Amino acid sequence: MALKATIFKARVQIADMDRGYYGEHQLTLARHPSETDERMMVRLLAFAHNAAEGLEFTRGLSSDDEADLWQMSLSGEIELWIEVGLPTEERLRKASSRAAQVLVYSYGRRAAPIWWQKQGGALARFDNLRVYHLPEEATEQLAAMAERNMDLSATIQDGHIWLSAADRSVEIIPQIWK
């Protein structure tokens, strides 16, 4: 029998001073059986960093044809495609041809720098691609914040992201690799 996704609920209040976006979102995250808390929380962070009407979580790990998050236009075109982790060059090529903008949130103590060293040159040709790298200490702290029901606040200013719960807070300073 196949394992089912674990459902997490999050209420996220977002104050993004960099983009002038302020809102509250009630989110449902389905954590795939093979997904870690760290990856799920990076998906949540990516949502907060790009929050907008229409931004939504997709089937993610369960589908090869969908991003981890995306935002569609009213006419059905993909405006924003967000990948979490270390996607292949082929996957990002497909995403870049299908979406107006593609974002990658990479993380991982050893794997991410090796991935970037191998893929960075090939990814330079995609003008609509931006790659962020999240420091491993920050993503480990994010993973520790994962709970089935979360009440979070996200503050974004000058490229820094603060994600807070009642009993803890983490500051994330994404490095822009591309």
N, C-alpha and C. Protein backbone atom coordinates (compact mmCIF):
# COMPACT_ATOMS: atom_id res chain seq x y z
N MET A 1 0.84 -1.17 0.00
CA MET A 1 0.00 0.00 0.00
C MET A 1 0.89 1.25 0.00
N ALA A 2 0.56 2.20 -0.85
CA ALA A 2 1.35 3.41 -0.97
C ALA A 2 1.13 4.32 0.23
N LEU A 3 2.20 4.97 0.62
CA LEU A 3 2.11 5.93 1.71
C LEU A 3 1.43 7.20 1.22
N LYS A 4 0.66 7.83 2.09
CA LYS A 4 -0.04 9.05 1.72
C LYS A 4 0.73 10.27 2.22
N ALA A 5 0.44 11.39 1.60
CA ALA A 5 1.06 12.64 2.01
C ALA A 5 0.58 13.02 3.41
N THR A 6 1.42 13.72 4.14
CA THR A 6 1.06 14.27 5.44
C THR A 6 0.65 15.71 5.23
N ILE A 7 -0.48 16.08 5.79
CA ILE A 7 -1.02 17.42 5.58
C ILE A 7 -0.58 18.35 6.71
N PHE A 8 -0.08 19.52 6.31
CA PHE A 8 0.31 20.57 7.24
C PHE A 8 -0.51 21.81 6.90
N LYS A 9 -0.91 22.53 7.92
CA LYS A 9 -1.66 23.78 7.75
C LYS A 9 -0.79 24.91 8.28
N ALA A 10 -0.80 26.02 7.56
CA ALA A 10 -0.01 27.18 7.99
C ALA A 10 -0.79 28.46 7.73
N ARG A 11 -0.86 29.28 8.74
CA ARG A 11 -1.36 30.64 8.57
C ARG A 11 -0.12 31.52 8.54
N VAL A 12 0.07 32.24 7.45
CA VAL A 12 1.28 33.04 7.27
C VAL A 12 0.91 34.49 7.03
N GLN A 13 1.38 35.35 7.91
CA GLN A 13 1.22 36.80 7.72
C GLN A 13 2.51 37.29 7.07
N ILE A 14 2.37 37.97 5.94
CA ILE A 14 3.54 38.38 5.16
C ILE A 14 3.60 39.90 5.07
N ALA A 15 4.76 40.44 5.41
CA ALA A 15 5.06 41.87 5.23
C ALA A 15 6.33 41.94 4.39
N ASP A 16 6.15 42.17 3.10
CA ASP A 16 7.28 42.23 2.17
C ASP A 16 7.52 43.69 1.81
N MET A 17 8.42 44.32 2.53
CA MET A 17 8.71 45.73 2.29
C MET A 17 9.43 45.93 0.95
N ASP A 18 10.15 44.93 0.49
CA ASP A 18 10.87 45.06 -0.78
C ASP A 18 9.91 45.19 -1.96
N ARG A 19 8.80 44.47 -1.91
CA ARG A 19 7.83 44.50 -3.02
C ARG A 19 6.56 45.29 -2.69
N GLY A 20 6.42 45.72 -1.43
CA GLY A 20 5.21 46.42 -1.04
C GLY A 20 4.01 45.49 -0.97
N TYR A 21 4.24 44.23 -0.59
CA TYR A 21 3.16 43.25 -0.51
C TYR A 21 2.89 42.92 0.96
N TYR A 22 1.62 42.99 1.34
CA TYR A 22 1.22 42.67 2.71
C TYR A 22 -0.03 41.81 2.62
N GLY A 23 -0.01 40.67 3.29
CA GLY A 23 -1.18 39.81 3.23
C GLY A 23 -1.10 38.67 4.22
N GLU A 24 -2.22 38.01 4.37
CA GLU A 24 -2.31 36.83 5.22
C GLU A 24 -2.81 35.69 4.36
N HIS A 25 -2.17 34.53 4.50
CA HIS A 25 -2.52 33.37 3.69
C HIS A 25 -2.77 32.16 4.58
N GLN A 26 -3.83 31.44 4.30
CA GLN A 26 -4.12 30.16 4.93
C GLN A 26 -3.65 29.10 3.94
N LEU A 27 -2.60 28.38 4.28
CA LEU A 27 -1.98 27.44 3.34
C LEU A 27 -2.15 26.01 3.81
N THR A 28 -2.31 25.12 2.85
CA THR A 28 -2.29 23.69 3.10
C THR A 28 -1.13 23.12 2.31
N LEU A 29 -0.21 22.48 3.02
CA LEU A 29 0.95 21.86 2.38
C LEU A 29 0.84 20.35 2.53
N ALA A 30 0.93 19.66 1.44
CA ALA A 30 0.96 18.19 1.47
C ALA A 30 2.43 17.77 1.38
N ARG A 31 2.92 17.17 2.44
CA ARG A 31 4.32 16.70 2.43
C ARG A 31 4.35 15.28 1.90
N HIS A 32 4.95 15.13 0.74
CA HIS A 32 5.11 13.83 0.10
C HIS A 32 5.88 12.90 1.06
N PRO A 33 5.59 11.60 1.07
CA PRO A 33 6.31 10.68 1.97
C PRO A 33 7.84 10.74 1.84
N SER A 34 8.35 11.07 0.66
CA SER A 34 9.80 11.13 0.49
C SER A 34 10.37 12.53 0.75
N GLU A 35 9.51 13.48 1.09
CA GLU A 35 9.96 14.85 1.32
C GLU A 35 10.33 15.05 2.79
N THR A 36 11.38 15.82 3.03
CA THR A 36 11.81 16.12 4.39
C THR A 36 11.10 17.38 4.89
N ASP A 37 11.14 17.59 6.20
CA ASP A 37 10.62 18.83 6.77
C ASP A 37 11.38 20.03 6.21
N GLU A 38 12.68 19.85 6.01
CA GLU A 38 13.50 20.95 5.48
C GLU A 38 13.00 21.38 4.11
N ARG A 39 12.77 20.44 3.21
CA ARG A 39 12.30 20.78 1.87
C ARG A 39 10.93 21.42 1.90
N MET A 40 10.03 20.87 2.72
CA MET A 40 8.69 21.43 2.83
C MET A 40 8.74 22.87 3.32
N MET A 41 9.60 23.13 4.32
CA MET A 41 9.69 24.49 4.85
C MET A 41 10.37 25.45 3.86
N VAL A 42 11.26 24.94 3.02
CA VAL A 42 11.83 25.78 1.97
C VAL A 42 10.74 26.13 0.95
N ARG A 43 9.84 25.18 0.66
CA ARG A 43 8.70 25.50 -0.21
C ARG A 43 7.84 26.61 0.40
N LEU A 44 7.61 26.51 1.71
CA LEU A 44 6.83 27.53 2.41
C LEU A 44 7.55 28.88 2.37
N LEU A 45 8.86 28.87 2.56
CA LEU A 45 9.65 30.10 2.48
C LEU A 45 9.57 30.69 1.07
N ALA A 46 9.66 29.86 0.04
CA ALA A 46 9.57 30.33 -1.34
C ALA A 46 8.21 30.98 -1.58
N PHE A 47 7.15 30.40 -0.99
CA PHE A 47 5.83 31.01 -1.11
C PHE A 47 5.84 32.40 -0.49
N ALA A 48 6.34 32.50 0.73
CA ALA A 48 6.35 33.79 1.42
C ALA A 48 7.17 34.83 0.66
N HIS A 49 8.27 34.41 0.07
CA HIS A 49 9.17 35.31 -0.65
C HIS A 49 8.55 35.83 -1.94
N ASN A 50 7.59 35.10 -2.48
CA ASN A 50 6.98 35.46 -3.77
C ASN A 50 5.47 35.61 -3.69
N ALA A 51 4.93 35.74 -2.50
CA ALA A 51 3.48 35.74 -2.30
C ALA A 51 2.78 36.73 -3.22
N ALA A 52 1.70 36.23 -3.81
CA ALA A 52 0.88 37.03 -4.70
C ALA A 52 -0.43 36.28 -4.91
N GLU A 53 -1.44 36.99 -5.37
CA GLU A 53 -2.69 36.32 -5.71
C GLU A 53 -2.39 35.32 -6.83
N GLY A 54 -2.86 34.13 -6.67
CA GLY A 54 -2.68 33.12 -7.70
C GLY A 54 -1.46 32.23 -7.53
N LEU A 55 -0.55 32.57 -6.63
CA LEU A 55 0.59 31.69 -6.38
C LEU A 55 0.10 30.49 -5.60
N GLU A 56 0.44 29.29 -6.08
CA GLU A 56 -0.09 28.10 -5.41
C GLU A 56 0.91 26.96 -5.45
N PHE A 57 0.74 26.07 -4.47
CA PHE A 57 1.52 24.85 -4.43
C PHE A 57 0.92 23.90 -5.47
N THR A 58 1.77 23.10 -6.09
CA THR A 58 1.30 22.13 -7.08
C THR A 58 1.46 20.73 -6.50
N ARG A 59 1.33 19.72 -7.35
CA ARG A 59 1.55 18.35 -6.90
C ARG A 59 3.03 18.09 -6.65
N GLY A 60 3.91 19.00 -7.10
CA GLY A 60 5.34 18.95 -6.79
C GLY A 60 6.02 17.64 -7.09
N LEU A 61 6.51 16.96 -6.07
CA LEU A 61 7.25 15.70 -6.24
C LEU A 61 6.43 14.63 -6.92
N SER A 62 5.12 14.76 -6.90
CA SER A 62 4.26 13.75 -7.50
C SER A 62 4.11 13.93 -9.01
N SER A 63 4.64 15.01 -9.57
CA SER A 63 4.46 15.30 -10.99
C SER A 63 5.74 15.82 -11.62
N ASP A 64 6.08 15.28 -12.78
CA ASP A 64 7.25 15.76 -13.52
C ASP A 64 6.96 17.02 -14.32
N ASP A 65 5.69 17.30 -14.58
CA ASP A 65 5.32 18.41 -15.44
C ASP A 65 4.92 19.67 -14.69
N GLU A 66 5.06 19.65 -13.38
CA GLU A 66 4.66 20.80 -12.59
C GLU A 66 5.82 21.27 -11.72
N ALA A 67 5.79 22.56 -11.44
CA ALA A 67 6.77 23.15 -10.53
C ALA A 67 6.39 22.79 -9.10
N ASP A 68 7.21 23.20 -8.15
CA ASP A 68 6.83 23.07 -6.75
C ASP A 68 5.77 24.11 -6.39
N LEU A 69 5.90 25.29 -6.97
CA LEU A 69 4.89 26.34 -6.86
C LEU A 69 4.82 27.00 -8.23
N TRP A 70 3.64 27.55 -8.53
CA TRP A 70 3.56 28.36 -9.73
C TRP A 70 2.43 29.35 -9.62
N GLN A 71 2.51 30.33 -10.52
CA GLN A 71 1.48 31.34 -10.62
C GLN A 71 1.06 31.42 -12.07
N MET A 72 -0.22 31.28 -12.29
CA MET A 72 -0.77 31.31 -13.65
C MET A 72 -1.45 32.66 -13.92
N SER A 73 -1.41 33.07 -15.18
CA SER A 73 -2.16 34.25 -15.57
C SER A 73 -3.63 33.86 -15.72
N LEU A 74 -4.49 34.83 -15.88
CA LEU A 74 -5.92 34.55 -16.05
C LEU A 74 -6.19 33.78 -17.34
N SER A 75 -5.28 33.91 -18.32
CA SER A 75 -5.46 33.19 -19.58
C SER A 75 -4.76 31.83 -19.60
N GLY A 76 -4.18 31.42 -18.46
CA GLY A 76 -3.62 30.09 -18.35
C GLY A 76 -2.14 29.95 -18.61
N GLU A 77 -1.44 31.04 -18.91
CA GLU A 77 0.01 30.96 -19.09
C GLU A 77 0.69 30.94 -17.73
N ILE A 78 1.84 30.28 -17.67
CA ILE A 78 2.60 30.22 -16.42
C ILE A 78 3.44 31.49 -16.32
N GLU A 79 3.12 32.31 -15.33
CA GLU A 79 3.88 33.54 -15.11
C GLU A 79 5.13 33.29 -14.29
N LEU A 80 5.00 32.43 -13.27
CA LEU A 80 6.11 32.17 -12.36
C LEU A 80 6.18 30.68 -12.07
N TRP A 81 7.37 30.11 -12.23
CA TRP A 81 7.63 28.69 -11.97
C TRP A 81 8.71 28.64 -10.90
N ILE A 82 8.44 27.99 -9.78
CA ILE A 82 9.41 27.93 -8.67
C ILE A 82 9.78 26.48 -8.40
N GLU A 83 11.08 26.22 -8.42
CA GLU A 83 11.65 24.91 -8.10
C GLU A 83 12.38 25.00 -6.77
N VAL A 84 12.30 23.95 -5.98
CA VAL A 84 13.01 23.86 -4.71
C VAL A 84 13.96 22.68 -4.80
N GLY A 85 15.20 22.90 -4.41
CA GLY A 85 16.19 21.82 -4.42
C GLY A 85 17.22 22.02 -5.50
N LEU A 86 17.55 20.92 -6.18
CA LEU A 86 18.62 20.92 -7.16
C LEU A 86 18.12 20.32 -8.47
N PRO A 87 17.30 21.07 -9.22
CA PRO A 87 16.72 20.52 -10.44
C PRO A 87 17.77 20.34 -11.54
N THR A 88 17.47 19.46 -12.46
CA THR A 88 18.37 19.21 -13.59
C THR A 88 18.31 20.36 -14.59
N GLU A 89 19.33 20.45 -15.40
CA GLU A 89 19.36 21.47 -16.46
C GLU A 89 18.21 21.24 -17.41
N GLU A 90 17.91 20.00 -17.71
CA GLU A 90 16.79 19.68 -18.61
C GLU A 90 15.46 20.19 -18.05
N ARG A 91 15.23 19.97 -16.77
CA ARG A 91 13.99 20.44 -16.14
C ARG A 91 13.89 21.97 -16.18
N LEU A 92 15.00 22.64 -15.92
CA LEU A 92 14.99 24.11 -15.95
C LEU A 92 14.87 24.65 -17.36
N ARG A 93 15.39 23.93 -18.34
CA ARG A 93 15.21 24.33 -19.74
C ARG A 93 13.73 24.29 -20.11
N LYS A 94 13.06 23.20 -19.73
CA LYS A 94 11.62 23.07 -20.00
C LYS A 94 10.84 24.17 -19.27
N ALA A 95 11.19 24.41 -18.01
CA ALA A 95 10.50 25.44 -17.24
C ALA A 95 10.70 26.81 -17.87
N SER A 96 11.92 27.11 -18.30
CA SER A 96 12.23 28.40 -18.90
C SER A 96 11.49 28.63 -20.20
N SER A 97 11.21 27.55 -20.92
CA SER A 97 10.45 27.70 -22.16
C SER A 97 8.95 27.82 -21.92
N ARG A 98 8.49 27.34 -20.76
CA ARG A 98 7.06 27.36 -20.46
C ARG A 98 6.62 28.57 -19.63
N ALA A 99 7.53 29.17 -18.87
CA ALA A 99 7.15 30.22 -17.92
C ALA A 99 7.86 31.54 -18.23
N ALA A 100 7.21 32.62 -17.85
CA ALA A 100 7.81 33.94 -18.03
C ALA A 100 9.01 34.12 -17.11
N GLN A 101 8.92 33.60 -15.88
CA GLN A 101 10.02 33.71 -14.92
C GLN A 101 10.16 32.39 -14.18
N VAL A 102 11.41 31.96 -13.95
CA VAL A 102 11.71 30.73 -13.24
C VAL A 102 12.64 31.06 -12.07
N LEU A 103 12.27 30.56 -10.89
CA LEU A 103 13.11 30.74 -9.70
C LEU A 103 13.49 29.38 -9.14
N VAL A 104 14.73 29.28 -8.67
CA VAL A 104 15.20 28.07 -7.99
C VAL A 104 15.65 28.47 -6.60
N TYR A 105 15.18 27.73 -5.60
CA TYR A 105 15.64 27.89 -4.22
C TYR A 105 16.45 26.65 -3.89
N SER A 106 17.78 26.77 -4.02
CA SER A 106 18.66 25.62 -3.75
C SER A 106 19.07 25.65 -2.28
N TYR A 107 19.33 24.46 -1.75
CA TYR A 107 19.80 24.34 -0.38
C TYR A 107 20.55 23.03 -0.27
N GLY A 108 21.29 22.88 0.78
CA GLY A 108 22.06 21.66 1.00
C GLY A 108 23.51 21.96 1.27
N ARG A 109 24.00 21.44 2.34
CA ARG A 109 25.35 21.75 2.82
C ARG A 109 26.43 21.47 1.77
N ARG A 110 26.45 20.27 1.24
CA ARG A 110 27.51 19.91 0.27
C ARG A 110 26.98 19.82 -1.15
N ALA A 111 25.78 19.34 -1.30
CA ALA A 111 25.25 19.05 -2.63
C ALA A 111 25.00 20.31 -3.47
N ALA A 112 24.49 21.38 -2.87
CA ALA A 112 24.13 22.57 -3.64
C ALA A 112 25.35 23.22 -4.32
N PRO A 113 26.46 23.44 -3.62
CA PRO A 113 27.62 24.02 -4.32
C PRO A 113 28.15 23.14 -5.45
N ILE A 114 28.11 21.82 -5.26
CA ILE A 114 28.54 20.91 -6.33
C ILE A 114 27.58 20.99 -7.51
N TRP A 115 26.27 21.01 -7.21
CA TRP A 115 25.25 21.15 -8.26
C TRP A 115 25.49 22.43 -9.05
N TRP A 116 25.71 23.53 -8.35
CA TRP A 116 25.90 24.81 -9.02
C TRP A 116 27.18 24.82 -9.86
N GLN A 117 28.23 24.21 -9.35
CA GLN A 117 29.48 24.14 -10.10
C GLN A 117 29.28 23.39 -11.42
N LYS A 118 28.47 22.32 -11.38
CA LYS A 118 28.23 21.53 -12.58
C LYS A 118 27.21 22.19 -13.51
N GLN A 119 26.16 22.80 -12.95
CA GLN A 119 25.05 23.31 -13.75
C GLN A 119 25.14 24.79 -14.09
N GLY A 120 25.88 25.56 -13.30
CA GLY A 120 25.88 27.02 -13.46
C GLY A 120 26.19 27.50 -14.86
N GLY A 121 27.17 26.93 -15.51
CA GLY A 121 27.52 27.35 -16.86
C GLY A 121 26.39 27.11 -17.85
N ALA A 122 25.77 25.95 -17.77
CA ALA A 122 24.67 25.63 -18.68
C ALA A 122 23.44 26.49 -18.41
N LEU A 123 23.24 26.88 -17.16
CA LEU A 123 22.05 27.66 -16.80
C LEU A 123 22.19 29.14 -17.12
N ALA A 124 23.40 29.59 -17.41
CA ALA A 124 23.64 31.01 -17.69
C ALA A 124 22.86 31.50 -18.90
N ARG A 125 22.50 30.63 -19.81
CA ARG A 125 21.82 31.04 -21.04
C ARG A 125 20.34 31.36 -20.85
N PHE A 126 19.78 31.00 -19.71
CA PHE A 126 18.36 31.24 -19.48
C PHE A 126 18.16 32.62 -18.85
N ASP A 127 17.69 33.57 -19.66
CA ASP A 127 17.53 34.94 -19.20
C ASP A 127 16.42 35.10 -18.16
N ASN A 128 15.46 34.20 -18.16
CA ASN A 128 14.31 34.32 -17.25
C ASN A 128 14.49 33.47 -15.98
N LEU A 129 15.72 33.04 -15.71
CA LEU A 129 16.00 32.19 -14.55
C LEU A 129 16.77 32.96 -13.49
N ARG A 130 16.34 32.79 -12.24
CA ARG A 130 17.08 33.32 -11.09
C ARG A 130 17.28 32.17 -10.11
N VAL A 131 18.50 32.06 -9.57
CA VAL A 131 18.84 30.99 -8.64
C VAL A 131 19.24 31.59 -7.31
N TYR A 132 18.53 31.19 -6.26
CA TYR A 132 18.86 31.57 -4.89
C TYR A 132 19.46 30.36 -4.19
N HIS A 133 20.42 30.62 -3.31
CA HIS A 133 20.93 29.55 -2.45
C HIS A 133 20.65 29.95 -1.02
N LEU A 134 20.07 29.02 -0.27
CA LEU A 134 19.74 29.26 1.13
C LEU A 134 20.80 28.61 2.03
N PRO A 135 21.34 29.36 2.97
CA PRO A 135 22.37 28.81 3.87
C PRO A 135 21.84 27.62 4.66
N GLU A 136 22.69 26.61 4.83
CA GLU A 136 22.25 25.37 5.47
C GLU A 136 21.82 25.57 6.92
N GLU A 137 22.46 26.48 7.65
CA GLU A 137 22.05 26.72 9.03
C GLU A 137 20.61 27.21 9.08
N ALA A 138 20.26 28.09 8.14
CA ALA A 138 18.91 28.65 8.10
C ALA A 138 17.87 27.59 7.74
N THR A 139 18.18 26.74 6.75
CA THR A 139 17.19 25.73 6.36
C THR A 139 17.03 24.67 7.44
N GLU A 140 18.09 24.39 8.18
CA GLU A 140 17.97 23.45 9.30
C GLU A 140 17.08 24.03 10.40
N GLN A 141 17.22 25.34 10.65
CA GLN A 141 16.35 26.00 11.62
C GLN A 141 14.91 26.03 11.13
N LEU A 142 14.72 26.22 9.83
CA LEU A 142 13.36 26.18 9.27
C LEU A 142 12.73 24.81 9.50
N ALA A 143 13.51 23.76 9.26
CA ALA A 143 12.99 22.40 9.44
C ALA A 143 12.53 22.18 10.87
N ALA A 144 13.24 22.75 11.82
CA ALA A 144 12.87 22.60 13.23
C ALA A 144 11.57 23.32 13.56
N MET A 145 11.13 24.24 12.71
CA MET A 145 9.89 24.98 12.93
C MET A 145 8.66 24.23 12.42
N ALA A 146 8.87 23.15 11.68
CA ALA A 146 7.75 22.43 11.05
C ALA A 146 6.85 21.80 12.11
N GLU A 147 5.57 22.11 12.01
CA GLU A 147 4.54 21.51 12.85
C GLU A 147 3.30 21.30 12.00
N ARG A 148 2.44 20.41 12.42
CA ARG A 148 1.23 20.13 11.63
C ARG A 148 0.34 21.36 11.47
N ASN A 149 0.30 22.21 12.50
CA ASN A 149 -0.43 23.48 12.43
C ASN A 149 0.55 24.58 12.81
N MET A 150 0.75 25.51 11.88
CA MET A 150 1.73 26.58 12.11
C MET A 150 1.07 27.94 11.99
N ASP A 151 1.51 28.85 12.82
CA ASP A 151 1.10 30.24 12.78
C ASP A 151 2.39 31.04 12.64
N LEU A 152 2.65 31.56 11.44
CA LEU A 152 3.95 32.15 11.13
C LEU A 152 3.81 33.59 10.65
N SER A 153 4.87 34.33 10.85
CA SER A 153 4.99 35.68 10.31
C SER A 153 6.25 35.73 9.46
N ALA A 154 6.13 36.31 8.28
CA ALA A 154 7.28 36.48 7.39
C ALA A 154 7.47 37.97 7.14
N THR A 155 8.68 38.44 7.41
CA THR A 155 9.03 39.83 7.14
C THR A 155 10.19 39.82 6.16
N ILE A 156 10.05 40.60 5.10
CA ILE A 156 11.08 40.64 4.06
C ILE A 156 11.48 42.09 3.86
N GLN A 157 12.78 42.34 4.03
CA GLN A 157 13.29 43.70 3.85
C GLN A 157 14.76 43.64 3.46
N ASP A 158 15.11 44.42 2.45
CA ASP A 158 16.50 44.52 1.97
C ASP A 158 17.10 43.16 1.65
N GLY A 159 16.29 42.25 1.10
CA GLY A 159 16.77 40.93 0.71
C GLY A 159 16.86 39.94 1.85
N HIS A 160 16.58 40.34 3.07
CA HIS A 160 16.59 39.44 4.22
C HIS A 160 15.16 38.96 4.47
N ILE A 161 15.04 37.71 4.90
CA ILE A 161 13.73 37.14 5.21
C ILE A 161 13.78 36.67 6.66
N TRP A 162 12.82 37.11 7.44
CA TRP A 162 12.67 36.64 8.82
C TRP A 162 11.38 35.84 8.88
N LEU A 163 11.47 34.61 9.31
CA LEU A 163 10.29 33.77 9.49
C LEU A 163 10.19 33.47 10.98
N SER A 164 9.04 33.81 11.56
CA SER A 164 8.87 33.68 13.01
C SER A 164 7.64 32.87 13.35
N ALA A 165 7.77 32.08 14.40
CA ALA A 165 6.66 31.40 15.04
C ALA A 165 6.60 31.95 16.46
N ALA A 166 5.68 31.45 17.27
CA ALA A 166 5.52 31.96 18.62
C ALA A 166 6.79 31.83 19.45
N ASP A 167 7.51 30.72 19.29
CA ASP A 167 8.64 30.44 20.17
C ASP A 167 10.01 30.52 19.51
N ARG A 168 10.08 30.81 18.23
CA ARG A 168 11.37 30.88 17.56
C ARG A 168 11.31 31.73 16.30
N SER A 169 12.48 32.12 15.84
CA SER A 169 12.59 32.96 14.65
C SER A 169 13.88 32.60 13.93
N VAL A 170 13.85 32.72 12.63
CA VAL A 170 15.06 32.45 11.84
C VAL A 170 15.21 33.56 10.79
N GLU A 171 16.44 34.01 10.61
CA GLU A 171 16.75 34.98 9.57
C GLU A 171 17.41 34.25 8.41
N ILE A 172 16.90 34.48 7.23
CA ILE A 172 17.44 33.85 6.02
C ILE A 172 17.93 34.96 5.10
N ILE A 173 19.17 34.84 4.67
CA ILE A 173 19.73 35.79 3.71
C ILE A 173 20.08 34.97 2.46
N PRO A 174 19.15 34.94 1.49
CA PRO A 174 19.43 34.15 0.29
C PRO A 174 20.60 34.73 -0.50
N GLN A 175 21.48 33.86 -0.93
CA GLN A 175 22.56 34.27 -1.84
C GLN A 175 22.01 34.16 -3.26
N ILE A 176 22.26 35.16 -4.05
CA ILE A 176 21.82 35.12 -5.45
C ILE A 176 22.97 34.56 -6.28
N TRP A 177 22.76 33.35 -6.79
CA TRP A 177 23.77 32.70 -7.63
C TRP A 177 23.61 33.08 -9.08
N LYS A 178 22.43 33.40 -9.50
CA LYS A 178 22.16 33.86 -10.87
C LYS A 178 20.96 34.77 -10.86
